[in-house]
Structure formats: structure tokens, C-alpha cells
Amino acid sequence: MGTGQLPIWGRTRNPAGPSFKSFAAFFKSVPKGKPFCFWFGSHDPHRAYVKGSGVKSGLKIENVSVPPYLPDTPEVRSDILDYYFAVQRFDREVERCLSCWKRLGN
């Protein structure tokens, strides 16, 4: 159960604050020169991954580092690569937030 399921936790409002459609919308609501906290929640890199998305993105299956507790098979390598792709997507989302912050004035 995620924090987004407020009634399950007996809450009527999100303890992280109100939702915004984008970081830019949030940042425009912050008074100039005041400190702020922005909780960025993403679906990445959580499951379910799109099977084969890592390979389709151009990542190389031979570059996957398989932990010793997992079998080193093409299926496992592909699954890990899908995770890598989700992590990269998350990184791009964070970079968009940081770029917006720099552009709008930090």
C-alpha cells in the first residue's frame, strides 16, 4: 500500500502536501526566496516493467551485471536491463525538475 492510498491509512489529506501537475506548477507557488520541500513521486523504477523495454531502448544485454544470487540467463539479464531503463527514465524526470528549478530561479 502506497502513501497515495490515504483512506487506507485513515487520512483525509496527504501528509506530503497538495498535488501539483508539474514541478513548474509547484515552484511557481513557492514565495520567492523561501525554502521549500518538493516530494517527487514516480512510478519508476518500480515493477511492472515493460518486458523488453531495456533492449528496445538500445541498452546492451551484455553490459548487465547479474548479482551472484540470481541465475545468469538471458531472461534474467533482460529483466535487469528493463530495470536499468526504468532507472534512466527516473533520472531524466529528476533532471527535468532540476532544470526547471534552475530556469525559474533558485
PDB file of N, CA and C in Angstrom:
ATOM      1  N   MET A   1       0.842  -1.183   0.000  1.00  0.00           N
ATOM      2  CA  MET A   1       0.000   0.000   0.000  1.00  0.00           C
ATOM      3  C   MET A   1       0.879   1.236   0.000  1.00  0.00           C
ATOM      4  N   GLY A   2       0.684   2.061  -0.980  1.00  0.00           N
ATOM      5  CA  GLY A   2       1.475   3.272  -1.089  1.00  0.00           C
ATOM      6  C   GLY A   2       0.901   4.423  -0.288  1.00  0.00           C
ATOM      7  N   THR A   3       1.672   5.478  -0.197  1.00  0.00           N
ATOM      8  CA  THR A   3       1.225   6.657   0.544  1.00  0.00           C
ATOM      9  C   THR A   3       0.065   7.343  -0.157  1.00  0.00           C
ATOM     10  N   GLY A   4      -0.151   7.033  -1.443  1.00  0.00           N
ATOM     11  CA  GLY A   4      -1.241   7.646  -2.193  1.00  0.00           C
ATOM     12  C   GLY A   4      -2.610   7.093  -1.832  1.00  0.00           C
ATOM     13  N   GLN A   5      -2.662   6.036  -1.028  1.00  0.00           N
ATOM     14  CA  GLN A   5      -3.926   5.426  -0.644  1.00  0.00           C
ATOM     15  C   GLN A   5      -4.321   5.919   0.739  1.00  0.00           C
ATOM     16  N   LEU A   6      -4.654   7.192   0.794  1.00  0.00           N
ATOM     17  CA  LEU A   6      -4.861   7.863   2.074  1.00  0.00           C
ATOM     18  C   LEU A   6      -5.970   7.270   2.941  1.00  0.00           C
ATOM     19  N   PRO A   7      -7.152   6.928   2.394  1.00  0.00           N
ATOM     20  CA  PRO A   7      -8.205   6.391   3.267  1.00  0.00           C
ATOM     21  C   PRO A   7      -7.790   5.105   3.988  1.00  0.00           C
ATOM     22  N   ILE A   8      -6.956   4.295   3.345  1.00  0.00           N
ATOM     23  CA  ILE A   8      -6.499   3.058   3.980  1.00  0.00           C
ATOM     24  C   ILE A   8      -5.727   3.368   5.254  1.00  0.00           C
ATOM     25  N   TRP A   9      -5.001   4.471   5.241  1.00  0.00           N
ATOM     26  CA  TRP A   9      -4.200   4.870   6.401  1.00  0.00           C
ATOM     27  C   TRP A   9      -4.970   5.785   7.350  1.00  0.00           C
ATOM     28  N   GLY A  10      -6.264   6.006   7.074  1.00  0.00           N
ATOM     29  CA  GLY A  10      -7.083   6.829   7.957  1.00  0.00           C
ATOM     30  C   GLY A  10      -6.835   8.316   7.800  1.00  0.00           C
ATOM     31  N   ARG A  11      -6.327   8.721   6.642  1.00  0.00           N
ATOM     32  CA  ARG A  11      -6.025  10.132   6.406  1.00  0.00           C
ATOM     33  C   ARG A  11      -7.009  10.727   5.396  1.00  0.00           C
ATOM     34  N   THR A  12      -7.318  11.991   5.585  1.00  0.00           N
ATOM     35  CA  THR A  12      -8.175  12.688   4.624  1.00  0.00           C
ATOM     36  C   THR A  12      -7.377  13.622   3.729  1.00  0.00           C
ATOM     37  N   ARG A  13      -6.135  13.916   4.132  1.00  0.00           N
ATOM     38  CA  ARG A  13      -5.263  14.741   3.296  1.00  0.00           C
ATOM     39  C   ARG A  13      -3.871  14.124   3.268  1.00  0.00           C
ATOM     40  N   ASN A  14      -3.157  14.401   2.218  1.00  0.00           N
ATOM     41  CA  ASN A  14      -1.824  13.849   2.037  1.00  0.00           C
ATOM     42  C   ASN A  14      -0.840  14.568   2.956  1.00  0.00           C
ATOM     43  N   PRO A  15      -0.140  13.841   3.840  1.00  0.00           N
ATOM     44  CA  PRO A  15       0.805  14.496   4.735  1.00  0.00           C
ATOM     45  C   PRO A  15       1.992  15.124   3.995  1.00  0.00           C
ATOM     46  N   ALA A  16       2.199  14.743   2.739  1.00  0.00           N
ATOM     47  CA  ALA A  16       3.281  15.330   1.942  1.00  0.00           C
ATOM     48  C   ALA A  16       2.866  16.667   1.344  1.00  0.00           C
ATOM     49  N   GLY A  17       1.607  17.024   1.468  1.00  0.00           N
ATOM     50  CA  GLY A  17       1.135  18.292   0.920  1.00  0.00           C
ATOM     51  C   GLY A  17       0.258  18.086  -0.301  1.00  0.00           C
ATOM     52  N   PRO A  18      -0.183  19.190  -0.905  1.00  0.00           N
ATOM     53  CA  PRO A  18      -1.068  19.084  -2.068  1.00  0.00           C
ATOM     54  C   PRO A  18      -0.326  18.563  -3.297  1.00  0.00           C
ATOM     55  N   SER A  19      -1.085  18.024  -4.239  1.00  0.00           N
ATOM     56  CA  SER A  19      -0.518  17.535  -5.501  1.00  0.00           C
ATOM     57  C   SER A  19      -0.436  18.668  -6.512  1.00  0.00           C
ATOM     58  N   PHE A  20       0.547  18.576  -7.381  1.00  0.00           N
ATOM     59  CA  PHE A  20       0.722  19.535  -8.472  1.00  0.00           C
ATOM     60  C   PHE A  20       0.904  18.755  -9.763  1.00  0.00           C
ATOM     61  N   LYS A  21       0.457  19.334 -10.865  1.00  0.00           N
ATOM     62  CA  LYS A  21       0.585  18.662 -12.159  1.00  0.00           C
ATOM     63  C   LYS A  21       2.027  18.586 -12.631  1.00  0.00           C
ATOM     64  N   SER A  22       2.869  19.489 -12.145  1.00  0.00           N
ATOM     65  CA  SER A  22       4.270  19.517 -12.567  1.00  0.00           C
ATOM     66  C   SER A  22       5.099  20.227 -11.505  1.00  0.00           C
ATOM     67  N   PHE A  23       6.418  20.052 -11.622  1.00  0.00           N
ATOM     68  CA  PHE A  23       7.304  20.765 -10.715  1.00  0.00           C
ATOM     69  C   PHE A  23       7.195  22.264 -10.971  1.00  0.00           C
ATOM     70  N   ALA A  24       7.060  22.666 -12.236  1.00  0.00           N
ATOM     71  CA  ALA A  24       6.942  24.091 -12.565  1.00  0.00           C
ATOM     72  C   ALA A  24       5.725  24.703 -11.878  1.00  0.00           C
ATOM     73  N   ALA A  25       4.601  23.989 -11.886  1.00  0.00           N
ATOM     74  CA  ALA A  25       3.396  24.498 -11.218  1.00  0.00           C
ATOM     75  C   ALA A  25       3.638  24.646  -9.720  1.00  0.00           C
ATOM     76  N   PHE A  26       4.297  23.658  -9.130  1.00  0.00           N
ATOM     77  CA  PHE A  26       4.625  23.746  -7.707  1.00  0.00           C
ATOM     78  C   PHE A  26       5.541  24.932  -7.445  1.00  0.00           C
ATOM     79  N   PHE A  27       6.633  25.015  -8.211  1.00  0.00           N
ATOM     80  CA  PHE A  27       7.652  26.020  -7.943  1.00  0.00           C
ATOM     81  C   PHE A  27       7.092  27.441  -8.077  1.00  0.00           C
ATOM     82  N   LYS A  28       6.173  27.633  -8.990  1.00  0.00           N
ATOM     83  CA  LYS A  28       5.552  28.954  -9.154  1.00  0.00           C
ATOM     84  C   LYS A  28       4.712  29.333  -7.936  1.00  0.00           C
ATOM     85  N   SER A  29       4.310  28.338  -7.139  1.00  0.00           N
ATOM     86  CA  SER A  29       3.505  28.626  -5.949  1.00  0.00           C
ATOM     87  C   SER A  29       4.364  28.948  -4.722  1.00  0.00           C
ATOM     88  N   VAL A  30       5.681  28.723  -4.829  1.00  0.00           N
ATOM     89  CA  VAL A  30       6.586  28.961  -3.703  1.00  0.00           C
ATOM     90  C   VAL A  30       6.962  30.441  -3.657  1.00  0.00           C
ATOM     91  N   PRO A  31       6.783  31.107  -2.518  1.00  0.00           N
ATOM     92  CA  PRO A  31       7.186  32.512  -2.417  1.00  0.00           C
ATOM     93  C   PRO A  31       8.684  32.667  -2.696  1.00  0.00           C
ATOM     94  N   LYS A  32       9.032  33.670  -3.474  1.00  0.00           N
ATOM     95  CA  LYS A  32      10.424  33.927  -3.854  1.00  0.00           C
ATOM     96  C   LYS A  32      11.311  34.026  -2.610  1.00  0.00           C
ATOM     97  N   GLY A  33      12.427  33.315  -2.649  1.00  0.00           N
ATOM     98  CA  GLY A  33      13.394  33.379  -1.564  1.00  0.00           C
ATOM     99  C   GLY A  33      13.055  32.545  -0.344  1.00  0.00           C
ATOM    100  N   LYS A  34      11.948  31.800  -0.394  1.00  0.00           N
ATOM    101  CA  LYS A  34      11.547  30.976   0.754  1.00  0.00           C
ATOM    102  C   LYS A  34      11.996  29.527   0.541  1.00  0.00           C
ATOM    103  N   PRO A  35      12.358  28.838   1.614  1.00  0.00           N
ATOM    104  CA  PRO A  35      12.712  27.423   1.476  1.00  0.00           C
ATOM    105  C   PRO A  35      11.481  26.604   1.100  1.00  0.00           C
ATOM    106  N   PHE A  36      11.717  25.462   0.503  1.00  0.00           N
ATOM    107  CA  PHE A  36      10.608  24.603   0.122  1.00  0.00           C
ATOM    108  C   PHE A  36      11.038  23.139   0.160  1.00  0.00           C
ATOM    109  N   CYS A  37      10.058  22.280   0.172  1.00  0.00           N
ATOM    110  CA  CYS A  37      10.282  20.847   0.069  1.00  0.00           C
ATOM    111  C   CYS A  37       9.337  20.327  -1.004  1.00  0.00           C
ATOM    112  N   PHE A  38       9.869  19.624  -1.965  1.00  0.00           N
ATOM    113  CA  PHE A  38       9.066  19.021  -3.026  1.00  0.00           C
ATOM    114  C   PHE A  38       9.282  17.527  -2.992  1.00  0.00           C
ATOM    115  N   TRP A  39       8.216  16.783  -2.806  1.00  0.00           N
ATOM    116  CA  TRP A  39       8.290  15.328  -2.789  1.00  0.00           C
ATOM    117  C   TRP A  39       7.957  14.847  -4.190  1.00  0.00           C
ATOM    118  N   PHE A  40       8.969  14.359  -4.876  1.00  0.00           N
ATOM    119  CA  PHE A  40       8.772  13.866  -6.236  1.00  0.00           C
ATOM    120  C   PHE A  40       8.506  12.369  -6.186  1.00  0.00           C
ATOM    121  N   GLY A  41       7.293  11.985  -6.525  1.00  0.00           N
ATOM    122  CA  GLY A  41       6.922  10.565  -6.564  1.00  0.00           C
ATOM    123  C   GLY A  41       6.816  10.114  -8.008  1.00  0.00           C
ATOM    124  N   SER A  42       7.427   9.001  -8.299  1.00  0.00           N
ATOM    125  CA  SER A  42       7.436   8.478  -9.662  1.00  0.00           C
ATOM    126  C   SER A  42       7.034   7.009  -9.647  1.00  0.00           C
ATOM    127  N   HIS A  43       6.556   6.549 -10.776  1.00  0.00           N
ATOM    128  CA  HIS A  43       6.269   5.127 -10.926  1.00  0.00           C
ATOM    129  C   HIS A  43       7.550   4.355 -11.229  1.00  0.00           C
ATOM    130  N   ASP A  44       8.590   5.047 -11.625  1.00  0.00           N
ATOM    131  CA  ASP A  44       9.878   4.407 -11.924  1.00  0.00           C
ATOM    132  C   ASP A  44      10.754   4.451 -10.694  1.00  0.00           C
ATOM    133  N   PRO A  45      11.615   3.498 -10.484  1.00  0.00           N
ATOM    134  CA  PRO A  45      11.800   2.273 -11.255  1.00  0.00           C
ATOM    135  C   PRO A  45      11.074   1.070 -10.655  1.00  0.00           C
ATOM    136  N   HIS A  46       9.820   1.207 -10.368  1.00  0.00           N
ATOM    137  CA  HIS A  46       9.052   0.115  -9.770  1.00  0.00           C
ATOM    138  C   HIS A  46       8.503  -0.832 -10.830  1.00  0.00           C
ATOM    139  N   ARG A  47       8.265  -2.044 -10.429  1.00  0.00           N
ATOM    140  CA  ARG A  47       7.605  -3.002 -11.318  1.00  0.00           C
ATOM    141  C   ARG A  47       6.162  -2.580 -11.489  1.00  0.00           C
ATOM    142  N   ALA A  48       5.517  -2.907 -12.525  1.00  0.00           N
ATOM    143  CA  ALA A  48       5.884  -3.862 -13.561  1.00  0.00           C
ATOM    144  C   ALA A  48       6.623  -3.134 -14.691  1.00  0.00           C
ATOM    145  N   TYR A  49       7.746  -3.712 -15.090  1.00  0.00           N
ATOM    146  CA  TYR A  49       8.497  -3.173 -16.212  1.00  0.00           C
ATOM    147  C   TYR A  49       7.858  -3.661 -17.506  1.00  0.00           C
ATOM    148  N   VAL A  50       8.044  -2.885 -18.548  1.00  0.00           N
ATOM    149  CA  VAL A  50       7.601  -3.337 -19.861  1.00  0.00           C
ATOM    150  C   VAL A  50       8.661  -4.307 -20.370  1.00  0.00           C
ATOM    151  N   LYS A  51       8.256  -5.561 -20.553  1.00  0.00           N
ATOM    152  CA  LYS A  51       9.200  -6.600 -20.952  1.00  0.00           C
ATOM    153  C   LYS A  51       9.881  -6.217 -22.267  1.00  0.00           C
ATOM    154  N   GLY A  52      11.208  -6.236 -22.255  1.00  0.00           N
ATOM    155  CA  GLY A  52      11.982  -5.926 -23.446  1.00  0.00           C
ATOM    156  C   GLY A  52      12.250  -4.446 -23.648  1.00  0.00           C
ATOM    157  N   SER A  53      11.794  -3.609 -22.728  1.00  0.00           N
ATOM    158  CA  SER A  53      11.976  -2.157 -22.898  1.00  0.00           C
ATOM    159  C   SER A  53      13.439  -1.751 -22.849  1.00  0.00           C
ATOM    160  N   GLY A  54      14.241  -2.443 -22.067  1.00  0.00           N
ATOM    161  CA  GLY A  54      15.666  -2.135 -21.989  1.00  0.00           C
ATOM    162  C   GLY A  54      16.374  -2.376 -23.300  1.00  0.00           C
ATOM    163  N   VAL A  55      16.117  -3.530 -23.899  1.00  0.00           N
ATOM    164  CA  VAL A  55      16.727  -3.866 -25.192  1.00  0.00           C
ATOM    165  C   VAL A  55      16.228  -2.901 -26.272  1.00  0.00           C
ATOM    166  N   LYS A  56      14.924  -2.633 -26.284  1.00  0.00           N
ATOM    167  CA  LYS A  56      14.349  -1.724 -27.290  1.00  0.00           C
ATOM    168  C   LYS A  56      14.926  -0.315 -27.182  1.00  0.00           C
ATOM    169  N   SER A  57      15.347   0.073 -25.982  1.00  0.00           N
ATOM    170  CA  SER A  57      15.892   1.417 -25.791  1.00  0.00           C
ATOM    171  C   SER A  57      17.329   1.542 -26.293  1.00  0.00           C
ATOM    172  N   GLY A  58      17.931   0.397 -26.607  1.00  0.00           N
ATOM    173  CA  GLY A  58      19.310   0.431 -27.097  1.00  0.00           C
ATOM    174  C   GLY A  58      20.339   0.003 -26.074  1.00  0.00           C
ATOM    175  N   LEU A  59      19.902  -0.300 -24.847  1.00  0.00           N
ATOM    176  CA  LEU A  59      20.840  -0.798 -23.843  1.00  0.00           C
ATOM    177  C   LEU A  59      21.300  -2.194 -24.248  1.00  0.00           C
ATOM    178  N   LYS A  60      22.516  -2.538 -23.883  1.00  0.00           N
ATOM    179  CA  LYS A  60      23.128  -3.802 -24.306  1.00  0.00           C
ATOM    180  C   LYS A  60      23.042  -4.856 -23.209  1.00  0.00           C
ATOM    181  N   ILE A  61      22.485  -5.992 -23.552  1.00  0.00           N
ATOM    182  CA  ILE A  61      22.296  -7.073 -22.579  1.00  0.00           C
ATOM    183  C   ILE A  61      23.623  -7.600 -22.049  1.00  0.00           C
ATOM    184  N   GLU A  62      24.686  -7.493 -22.845  1.00  0.00           N
ATOM    185  CA  GLU A  62      25.996  -7.980 -22.394  1.00  0.00           C
ATOM    186  C   GLU A  62      26.618  -7.060 -21.335  1.00  0.00           C
ATOM    187  N   ASN A  63      26.079  -5.868 -21.159  1.00  0.00           N
ATOM    188  CA  ASN A  63      26.594  -4.932 -20.144  1.00  0.00           C
ATOM    189  C   ASN A  63      25.916  -5.087 -18.788  1.00  0.00           C
ATOM    190  N   VAL A  64      24.969  -6.003 -18.679  1.00  0.00           N
ATOM    191  CA  VAL A  64      24.240  -6.209 -17.432  1.00  0.00           C
ATOM    192  C   VAL A  64      25.135  -6.909 -16.417  1.00  0.00           C
ATOM    193  N   SER A  65      25.114  -6.422 -15.198  1.00  0.00           N
ATOM    194  CA  SER A  65      25.827  -7.065 -14.098  1.00  0.00           C
ATOM    195  C   SER A  65      24.804  -7.879 -13.303  1.00  0.00           C
ATOM    196  N   VAL A  66      24.905  -9.191 -13.387  1.00  0.00           N
ATOM    197  CA  VAL A  66      23.953 -10.075 -12.710  1.00  0.00           C
ATOM    198  C   VAL A  66      24.460 -10.378 -11.298  1.00  0.00           C
ATOM    199  N   PRO A  67      23.668 -10.065 -10.267  1.00  0.00           N
ATOM    200  CA  PRO A  67      24.090 -10.383  -8.898  1.00  0.00           C
ATOM    201  C   PRO A  67      24.295 -11.898  -8.744  1.00  0.00           C
ATOM    202  N   PRO A  68      25.227 -12.305  -7.885  1.00  0.00           N
ATOM    203  CA  PRO A  68      25.544 -13.732  -7.750  1.00  0.00           C
ATOM    204  C   PRO A  68      24.390 -14.599  -7.255  1.00  0.00           C
ATOM    205  N   TYR A  69      23.376 -14.007  -6.642  1.00  0.00           N
ATOM    206  CA  TYR A  69      22.253 -14.788  -6.129  1.00  0.00           C
ATOM    207  C   TYR A  69      21.173 -15.041  -7.182  1.00  0.00           C
ATOM    208  N   LEU A  70      21.365 -14.501  -8.408  1.00  0.00           N
ATOM    209  CA  LEU A  70      20.421 -14.744  -9.498  1.00  0.00           C
ATOM    210  C   LEU A  70      21.090 -15.593 -10.578  1.00  0.00           C
ATOM    211  N   PRO A  71      20.295 -16.392 -11.283  1.00  0.00           N
ATOM    212  CA  PRO A  71      20.883 -17.165 -12.382  1.00  0.00           C
ATOM    213  C   PRO A  71      21.224 -16.233 -13.550  1.00  0.00           C
ATOM    214  N   ASP A  72      22.364 -16.462 -14.159  1.00  0.00           N
ATOM    215  CA  ASP A  72      22.791 -15.641 -15.292  1.00  0.00           C
ATOM    216  C   ASP A  72      22.211 -16.232 -16.572  1.00  0.00           C
ATOM    217  N   THR A  73      20.966 -15.845 -16.845  1.00  0.00           N
ATOM    218  CA  THR A  73      20.261 -16.331 -18.035  1.00  0.00           C
ATOM    219  C   THR A  73      19.831 -15.123 -18.868  1.00  0.00           C
ATOM    220  N   PRO A  74      19.522 -15.341 -20.152  1.00  0.00           N
ATOM    221  CA  PRO A  74      19.048 -14.230 -20.978  1.00  0.00           C
ATOM    222  C   PRO A  74      17.789 -13.567 -20.408  1.00  0.00           C
ATOM    223  N   GLU A  75      16.897 -14.353 -19.813  1.00  0.00           N
ATOM    224  CA  GLU A  75      15.660 -13.796 -19.251  1.00  0.00           C
ATOM    225  C   GLU A  75      15.954 -12.876 -18.074  1.00  0.00           C
ATOM    226  N   VAL A  76      16.856 -13.317 -17.195  1.00  0.00           N
ATOM    227  CA  VAL A  76      17.225 -12.503 -16.033  1.00  0.00           C
ATOM    228  C   VAL A  76      17.959 -11.250 -16.498  1.00  0.00           C
ATOM    229  N   ARG A  77      18.882 -11.381 -17.432  1.00  0.00           N
ATOM    230  CA  ARG A  77      19.608 -10.225 -17.956  1.00  0.00           C
ATOM    231  C   ARG A  77      18.645  -9.212 -18.575  1.00  0.00           C
ATOM    232  N   SER A  78      17.673  -9.701 -19.314  1.00  0.00           N
ATOM    233  CA  SER A  78      16.701  -8.798 -19.942  1.00  0.00           C
ATOM    234  C   SER A  78      15.856  -8.081 -18.894  1.00  0.00           C
ATOM    235  N   ASP A  79      15.455  -8.798 -17.842  1.00  0.00           N
ATOM    236  CA  ASP A  79      14.673  -8.196 -16.763  1.00  0.00           C
ATOM    237  C   ASP A  79      15.481  -7.099 -16.059  1.00  0.00           C
ATOM    238  N   ILE A  80      16.748  -7.377 -15.790  1.00  0.00           N
ATOM    239  CA  ILE A  80      17.612  -6.376 -15.158  1.00  0.00           C
ATOM    240  C   ILE A  80      17.784  -5.177 -16.084  1.00  0.00           C
ATOM    241  N   LEU A  81      17.905  -5.429 -17.372  1.00  0.00           N
ATOM    242  CA  LEU A  81      18.036  -4.343 -18.339  1.00  0.00           C
ATOM    243  C   LEU A  81      16.772  -3.478 -18.369  1.00  0.00           C
ATOM    244  N   ASP A  82      15.615  -4.106 -18.229  1.00  0.00           N
ATOM    245  CA  ASP A  82      14.361  -3.345 -18.145  1.00  0.00           C
ATOM    246  C   ASP A  82      14.380  -2.444 -16.913  1.00  0.00           C
ATOM    247  N   TYR A  83      14.939  -2.953 -15.809  1.00  0.00           N
ATOM    248  CA  TYR A  83      15.096  -2.141 -14.595  1.00  0.00           C
ATOM    249  C   TYR A  83      16.043  -0.967 -14.857  1.00  0.00           C
ATOM    250  N   TYR A  84      17.180  -1.229 -15.492  1.00  0.00           N
ATOM    251  CA  TYR A  84      18.122  -0.154 -15.835  1.00  0.00           C
ATOM    252  C   TYR A  84      17.409   0.949 -16.624  1.00  0.00           C
ATOM    253  N   PHE A  85      16.588   0.532 -17.590  1.00  0.00           N
ATOM    254  CA  PHE A  85      15.863   1.501 -18.421  1.00  0.00           C
ATOM    255  C   PHE A  85      14.914   2.343 -17.564  1.00  0.00           C
ATOM    256  N   ALA A  86      14.221   1.702 -16.613  1.00  0.00           N
ATOM    257  CA  ALA A  86      13.307   2.430 -15.721  1.00  0.00           C
ATOM    258  C   ALA A  86      14.080   3.410 -14.848  1.00  0.00           C
ATOM    259  N   VAL A  87      15.265   3.026 -14.389  1.00  0.00           N
ATOM    260  CA  VAL A  87      16.101   3.921 -13.590  1.00  0.00           C
ATOM    261  C   VAL A  87      16.518   5.127 -14.423  1.00  0.00           C
ATOM    262  N   GLN A  88      16.894   4.898 -15.670  1.00  0.00           N
ATOM    263  CA  GLN A  88      17.279   6.011 -16.543  1.00  0.00           C
ATOM    264  C   GLN A  88      16.110   6.955 -16.782  1.00  0.00           C
ATOM    265  N   ARG A  89      14.908   6.394 -16.930  1.00  0.00           N
ATOM    266  CA  ARG A  89      13.719   7.232 -17.106  1.00  0.00           C
ATOM    267  C   ARG A  89      13.492   8.095 -15.873  1.00  0.00           C
ATOM    268  N   PHE A  90      13.644   7.497 -14.683  1.00  0.00           N
ATOM    269  CA  PHE A  90      13.514   8.244 -13.441  1.00  0.00           C
ATOM    270  C   PHE A  90      14.548   9.369 -13.381  1.00  0.00           C
ATOM    271  N   ASP A  91      15.785   9.057 -13.737  1.00  0.00           N
ATOM    272  CA  ASP A  91      16.844  10.069 -13.740  1.00  0.00           C
ATOM    273  C   ASP A  91      16.485  11.240 -14.655  1.00  0.00           C
ATOM    274  N   ARG A  92      15.904  10.955 -15.806  1.00  0.00           N
ATOM    275  CA  ARG A  92      15.502  12.035 -16.723  1.00  0.00           C
ATOM    276  C   ARG A  92      14.394  12.892 -16.113  1.00  0.00           C
ATOM    277  N   GLU A  93      13.463  12.261 -15.394  1.00  0.00           N
ATOM    278  CA  GLU A  93      12.396  13.020 -14.735  1.00  0.00           C
ATOM    279  C   GLU A  93      12.974  13.953 -13.677  1.00  0.00           C
ATOM    280  N   VAL A  94      13.905  13.455 -12.894  1.00  0.00           N
ATOM    281  CA  VAL A  94      14.542  14.286 -11.867  1.00  0.00           C
ATOM    282  C   VAL A  94      15.309  15.430 -12.534  1.00  0.00           C
ATOM    283  N   GLU A  95      16.006  15.133 -13.615  1.00  0.00           N
ATOM    284  CA  GLU A  95      16.749  16.177 -14.335  1.00  0.00           C
ATOM    285  C   GLU A  95      15.808  17.259 -14.847  1.00  0.00           C
ATOM    286  N   ARG A  96      14.618  16.885 -15.312  1.00  0.00           N
ATOM    287  CA  ARG A  96      13.643  17.896 -15.759  1.00  0.00           C
ATOM    288  C   ARG A  96      13.233  18.800 -14.600  1.00  0.00           C
ATOM    289  N   CYS A  97      13.039  18.232 -13.418  1.00  0.00           N
ATOM    290  CA  CYS A  97      12.709  19.047 -12.239  1.00  0.00           C
ATOM    291  C   CYS A  97      13.851  20.010 -11.919  1.00  0.00           C
ATOM    292  N   LEU A  98      15.077  19.501 -11.907  1.00  0.00           N
ATOM    293  CA  LEU A  98      16.228  20.354 -11.587  1.00  0.00           C
ATOM    294  C   LEU A  98      16.435  21.439 -12.639  1.00  0.00           C
ATOM    295  N   SER A  99      16.245  21.101 -13.905  1.00  0.00           N
ATOM    296  CA  SER A  99      16.386  22.095 -14.972  1.00  0.00           C
ATOM    297  C   SER A  99      15.337  23.190 -14.841  1.00  0.00           C
ATOM    298  N   CYS A 100      14.129  22.791 -14.491  1.00  0.00           N
ATOM    299  CA  CYS A 100      13.057  23.762 -14.281  1.00  0.00           C
ATOM    300  C   CYS A 100      13.405  24.682 -13.117  1.00  0.00           C
ATOM    301  N   TRP A 101      13.903  24.117 -12.040  1.00  0.00           N
ATOM    302  CA  TRP A 101      14.296  24.902 -10.864  1.00  0.00           C
ATOM    303  C   TRP A 101      15.365  25.921 -11.248  1.00  0.00           C
ATOM    304  N   LYS A 102      16.360  25.490 -12.022  1.00  0.00           N
ATOM    305  CA  LYS A 102      17.415  26.403 -12.452  1.00  0.00           C
ATOM    306  C   LYS A 102      16.870  27.486 -13.384  1.00  0.00           C
ATOM    307  N   ARG A 103      15.982  27.096 -14.284  1.00  0.00           N
ATOM    308  CA  ARG A 103      15.417  28.027 -15.253  1.00  0.00           C
ATOM    309  C   ARG A 103      14.518  29.081 -14.580  1.00  0.00           C
ATOM    310  N   LEU A 104      13.718  28.650 -13.613  1.00  0.00           N
ATOM    311  CA  LEU A 104      12.773  29.568 -12.971  1.00  0.00           C
ATOM    312  C   LEU A 104      13.412  30.395 -11.857  1.00  0.00           C
ATOM    313  N   GLY A 105      14.616  30.007 -11.482  1.00  0.00           N
ATOM    314  CA  GLY A 105      15.318  30.777 -10.465  1.00  0.00           C
ATOM    315  C   GLY A 105      15.415  30.063  -9.153  1.00  0.00           C
ATOM    316  N   ASN A 106      16.639  29.773  -8.762  1.00  0.00           N
ATOM    317  CA  ASN A 106      16.838  29.079  -7.493  1.00  0.00           C
ATOM    318  C   ASN A 106      17.258  30.094  -6.490  1.00  0.00           C
TER     319      ASN A 106
END
